[in-house]
């Protein structure tokens, strides 16, 4: 890995079939050990059930309120400052239960690649 400072372009946000908006903050081949994305879920929206193969994910809630469902745990409310730990191959989804956008950082180790994403919504 090479030392770097990356400046973000807010125009890089894109909508995913998972039903959320993503901005890749850091997801580089030269830094394979981790990636960081900003996720944004609109009020009333629930993301699709999914899991990541070979990747551990953490959600850090930045703004808004939601209900997260992870593995076999009961649904749990999340607020700014909360961290959700999601092991590899663990089913997950999140609902924006508030009136404003739910924004969180998705931190993956190793870094997220499209081929690790598995949609399991039924």
Protein backbone atom coordinates (compact mmCIF):
# COMPACT_ATOMS: atom_id res chain seq x y z
CA UNK A 1 0.00 0.00 0.00
CA UNK A 2 1.18 3.52 -0.84
CA UNK A 3 0.50 6.47 1.45
CA UNK A 4 -2.33 8.48 -0.07
CA UNK A 5 -4.92 11.12 0.74
CA UNK A 6 -8.13 10.72 -1.25
CA UNK A 7 -10.57 13.60 -1.66
CA UNK A 8 -14.17 12.57 -2.22
CA UNK A 9 -16.44 13.65 -5.05
CA UNK A 10 -20.07 13.64 -3.87
CA UNK A 11 -21.09 12.93 -7.48
CA UNK A 12 -19.75 9.39 -7.16
CA UNK A 13 -22.84 8.10 -5.32
CA UNK A 14 -24.73 5.33 -7.15
CA UNK A 15 -27.94 3.38 -6.53
CA UNK A 16 -27.71 -0.39 -6.05
CA UNK A 17 -30.22 -3.23 -6.53
CA UNK A 18 -29.89 -3.71 -2.76
CA UNK A 19 -32.12 -0.58 -2.46
CA UNK A 20 -29.53 1.84 -1.12
CA UNK A 21 -27.13 4.48 -2.39
CA UNK A 22 -23.37 3.82 -2.14
CA UNK A 23 -20.34 6.08 -2.30
CA UNK A 24 -17.04 4.18 -2.35
CA UNK A 25 -14.77 6.13 -0.01
CA UNK A 26 -11.84 3.73 -0.26
CA UNK A 27 -11.84 0.51 -2.25
CA UNK A 28 -8.54 0.13 -4.05
CA UNK A 29 -6.58 -2.84 -5.43
CA UNK A 30 -3.49 -1.35 -3.75
CA UNK A 31 -5.23 -1.60 -0.36
CA UNK A 32 -6.74 -5.12 -0.42
CA UNK A 33 -7.06 -5.49 3.36
CA UNK A 34 -10.07 -3.17 3.78
CA UNK A 35 -12.66 -0.99 2.05
CA UNK A 36 -14.92 1.79 3.29
CA UNK A 37 -18.21 2.81 1.66
CA UNK A 38 -20.84 5.35 2.66
CA UNK A 39 -24.33 3.83 2.44
CA UNK A 40 -27.53 5.88 2.38
CA UNK A 41 -31.01 4.37 2.81
CA UNK A 42 -34.11 6.46 2.21
CA UNK A 43 -36.87 6.72 4.86
CA UNK A 44 -39.12 3.65 4.94
CA UNK A 45 -36.80 1.52 2.77
CA UNK A 46 -35.50 -1.91 3.77
CA UNK A 47 -32.41 -3.22 2.00
CA UNK A 48 -32.47 -6.70 0.50
CA UNK A 49 -31.41 -9.72 2.52
CA UNK A 50 -27.83 -10.47 1.53
CA UNK A 51 -24.52 -11.85 2.77
CA UNK A 52 -20.87 -11.43 1.89
CA UNK A 53 -18.66 -14.42 1.08
CA UNK A 54 -15.26 -14.29 2.76
CA UNK A 55 -15.71 -10.71 3.96
CA UNK A 56 -16.41 -9.36 7.45
CA UNK A 57 -18.48 -6.17 7.44
CA UNK A 58 -19.06 -3.50 10.05
CA UNK A 59 -21.72 -0.81 9.92
CA UNK A 60 -20.93 2.46 11.69
CA UNK A 61 -24.15 4.48 11.93
CA UNK A 62 -23.45 8.13 11.07
CA UNK A 63 -26.94 9.67 10.83
CA UNK A 64 -30.57 8.66 11.07
CA UNK A 65 -32.28 5.74 12.75
CA UNK A 66 -32.87 2.19 11.66
CA UNK A 67 -33.59 -1.39 12.53
CA UNK A 68 -30.88 -3.90 11.64
CA UNK A 69 -31.34 -7.65 11.24
CA UNK A 70 -28.17 -9.74 11.41
CA UNK A 71 -27.98 -13.53 11.45
CA UNK A 72 -30.34 -15.05 14.00
CA UNK A 73 -30.39 -12.00 16.31
CA UNK A 74 -33.77 -10.32 16.84
CA UNK A 75 -34.23 -7.00 14.98
CA UNK A 76 -32.37 -4.24 16.82
CA UNK A 77 -32.71 -0.45 16.67
CA UNK A 78 -29.56 1.42 15.66
CA UNK A 79 -28.67 5.09 16.17
CA UNK A 80 -25.72 7.37 15.35
CA UNK A 81 -22.54 6.03 16.91
CA UNK A 82 -23.66 2.39 16.95
CA UNK A 83 -21.47 -0.31 15.36
CA UNK A 84 -22.90 -3.51 13.88
CA UNK A 85 -20.50 -6.47 13.48
CA UNK A 86 -21.39 -8.84 10.64
CA UNK A 87 -19.37 -12.06 10.18
CA UNK A 88 -18.73 -13.50 6.72
CA UNK A 89 -21.74 -15.38 5.26
CA UNK A 90 -24.08 -13.86 7.88
CA UNK A 91 -27.44 -12.73 6.48
CA UNK A 92 -28.15 -9.03 6.94
CA UNK A 93 -30.47 -6.19 6.06
CA UNK A 94 -31.31 -2.78 7.48
CA UNK A 95 -34.47 -0.67 7.51
CA UNK A 96 -34.59 3.10 7.73
CA UNK A 97 -37.20 3.60 10.46
CA UNK A 98 -36.70 7.36 10.71
CA UNK A 99 -37.91 10.42 8.83
CA UNK A 100 -34.44 11.36 7.50
CA UNK A 101 -31.89 9.41 5.45
CA UNK A 102 -30.11 6.61 7.30
CA UNK A 103 -26.38 6.98 6.65
CA UNK A 104 -23.71 4.52 7.70
CA UNK A 105 -20.19 3.49 6.84
CA UNK A 106 -19.75 -0.07 5.61
CA UNK A 107 -16.22 -1.17 6.50
CA UNK A 108 -15.19 -4.48 4.95
CA UNK A 109 -12.17 -6.72 5.55
CA UNK A 110 -10.81 -7.79 3.19
CA UNK A 111 -12.04 -5.17 0.74
CA UNK A 112 -15.45 -5.49 -0.90
CA UNK A 113 -15.62 -6.86 -4.42
CA UNK A 114 -18.88 -7.32 -6.36
CA UNK A 115 -18.36 -11.08 -6.59
CA UNK A 116 -18.53 -11.52 -2.79
CA UNK A 117 -22.10 -10.13 -2.64
CA UNK A 118 -24.85 -12.74 -2.52
CA UNK A 119 -28.51 -11.67 -2.70
CA UNK A 120 -30.60 -14.05 -0.56
CA UNK A 121 -33.89 -12.09 -0.50
CA UNK A 122 -36.85 -14.42 -0.94
